[in-house]
Amino acid sequence: EVPGWHCSGGDMNTPSSCIQQCGDGIVTSAEQCDPGNLVGGGGCSASCTWETGWTCTLIGNTSFCSGICGDGKLVGNELCDDSAHGGCKADCSGANDNFTCSGGSNIAASSCSC
């Protein structure tokens, strides 16, 4: 069996039937990434595709991802991301002085007021 694929059936006269094995940590030609589990949330989804709000690099069979600060999606180690409207620090490590920010998710920006 080839790593990253699950095959069944087949004999000397009939070929095996093979499908990619998403979640095993091995990136195959049919996958953009493979988180090594079926959870997702770290830049690589449970269906082995890149998630929005992240910038990722594939080195060998390993995905390295970090949140995109300033895009209005609160992911990874970001504590505040208001789409670069000034309430959050430039590195998304929290609120700027004189601002109070809350909320935010992988689909919504943090809300800030001064």
Protein backbone atom coordinates (compact mmCIF):
# COMPACT_ATOMS: atom_id res chain seq x y z
CA GLU A 1 0.00 0.00 0.00
CA VAL A 2 1.25 3.49 -0.86
CA PRO A 3 1.53 5.92 2.11
CA GLY A 4 -1.36 8.44 2.13
CA TRP A 5 -3.72 6.10 0.28
CA HIS A 6 -6.11 3.39 1.46
CA CYS A 7 -6.56 0.54 -0.98
CA SER A 8 -8.89 -2.45 -0.96
CA GLY A 9 -9.74 -5.37 -3.20
CA GLY A 10 -7.75 -6.41 -6.18
CA ASP A 11 -5.97 -9.60 -7.08
CA MET A 12 -3.71 -10.83 -9.87
CA ASN A 13 -6.44 -10.08 -12.46
CA THR A 14 -8.22 -7.06 -10.94
CA PRO A 15 -6.68 -3.75 -9.80
CA SER A 16 -7.17 -2.48 -6.26
CA SER A 17 -9.50 0.41 -5.57
CA CYS A 18 -7.65 3.26 -3.80
CA ILE A 19 -8.71 6.54 -2.19
CA GLN A 20 -6.69 9.28 -0.49
CA GLN A 21 -6.51 8.98 3.29
CA CYS A 22 -7.16 12.51 4.57
CA GLY A 23 -6.12 12.98 8.19
CA ASP A 24 -3.11 10.68 8.22
CA GLY A 25 -0.50 13.47 8.03
CA ILE A 26 0.69 12.47 4.53
CA VAL A 27 -0.07 14.90 1.70
CA THR A 28 -1.05 13.12 -1.51
CA SER A 29 -1.52 14.64 -4.95
CA ALA A 30 -5.26 15.00 -4.29
CA GLU A 31 -4.74 17.02 -1.06
CA GLN A 32 -3.62 20.62 -0.50
CA CYS A 33 -2.52 19.79 3.05
CA ASP A 34 -3.05 17.09 5.68
CA PRO A 35 -3.33 18.06 9.36
CA GLY A 36 -2.73 14.53 10.65
CA ASN A 37 -6.25 14.44 12.10
CA LEU A 38 -9.82 15.14 11.02
CA VAL A 39 -10.30 18.23 13.22
CA GLY A 40 -9.06 21.19 11.18
CA GLY A 41 -8.91 24.72 12.54
CA GLY A 42 -5.17 25.29 12.23
CA GLY A 43 -5.05 26.38 8.60
CA CYS A 44 -5.75 22.95 7.12
CA SER A 45 -9.34 21.71 7.19
CA ALA A 46 -10.67 18.26 8.03
CA SER A 47 -11.16 17.77 4.27
CA CYS A 48 -7.44 18.48 3.63
CA THR A 49 -7.92 21.88 1.99
CA TRP A 50 -6.49 25.27 3.08
CA GLU A 51 -8.73 27.28 5.43
CA THR A 52 -9.41 31.00 4.90
CA GLY A 53 -7.78 33.48 7.26
CA TRP A 54 -4.48 31.62 7.29
CA THR A 55 -1.26 31.77 5.33
CA CYS A 56 0.29 28.33 4.95
CA THR A 57 3.40 26.76 3.53
CA LEU A 58 3.81 23.11 2.73
CA ILE A 59 7.28 21.76 3.46
CA GLY A 60 7.51 18.09 2.59
CA ASN A 61 4.36 16.55 4.06
CA THR A 62 3.95 19.12 6.84
CA SER A 63 1.78 22.25 6.79
CA PHE A 64 3.02 25.34 8.61
CA CYS A 65 0.26 27.93 9.08
CA SER A 66 -0.22 31.25 10.83
CA GLY A 67 -3.14 33.64 11.03
CA ILE A 68 -3.25 36.60 8.62
CA CYS A 69 -3.22 39.67 10.88
CA GLY A 70 -5.46 42.49 9.64
CA ASP A 71 -7.83 40.41 7.52
CA GLY A 72 -10.77 40.59 9.94
CA LYS A 73 -10.67 36.90 10.86
CA LEU A 74 -9.64 36.01 14.41
CA VAL A 75 -7.63 32.78 14.08
CA GLY A 76 -4.55 31.11 15.55
CA ASN A 77 -2.66 33.17 18.13
CA GLU A 78 -4.44 36.42 17.26
CA LEU A 79 -6.09 38.15 20.22
CA CYS A 80 -7.66 40.99 18.21
CA ASP A 81 -8.28 41.49 14.46
CA ASP A 82 -10.54 44.33 13.29
CA SER A 83 -9.57 44.37 9.60
CA ALA A 84 -6.84 46.96 10.25
CA HIS A 85 -9.33 49.67 11.30
CA GLY A 86 -7.07 50.90 14.12
CA GLY A 87 -8.58 49.37 17.23
CA CYS A 88 -6.26 46.36 17.26
CA LYS A 89 -2.47 46.42 17.45
CA ALA A 90 -0.65 45.95 14.13
CA ASP A 91 0.52 42.46 15.21
CA CYS A 92 -3.00 41.44 16.40
CA SER A 93 -1.68 40.88 19.95
CA GLY A 94 -4.48 42.91 21.56
CA ALA A 95 -6.26 46.26 21.53
CA ASN A 96 -4.46 49.56 20.98
CA ASP A 97 -4.30 52.04 23.87
CA ASN A 98 -7.63 53.79 24.50
CA PHE A 99 -9.54 51.05 22.63
CA THR A 100 -11.69 48.22 23.92
CA CYS A 101 -12.11 45.31 21.53
CA SER A 102 -14.13 42.13 21.82
CA GLY A 103 -15.40 39.23 19.78
CA GLY A 104 -14.15 38.04 16.47
CA SER A 105 -14.05 34.59 14.93
CA ASN A 106 -12.80 32.77 11.86
CA ILE A 107 -15.56 34.52 9.89
CA ALA A 108 -15.99 37.85 11.73
CA ALA A 109 -13.75 40.73 12.77
CA SER A 110 -13.25 41.93 16.34
CA SER A 111 -15.45 44.90 17.31
CA CYS A 112 -13.58 47.90 18.76
CA SER A 113 -14.56 51.20 20.36
CA CYS A 114 -12.59 54.00 22.00
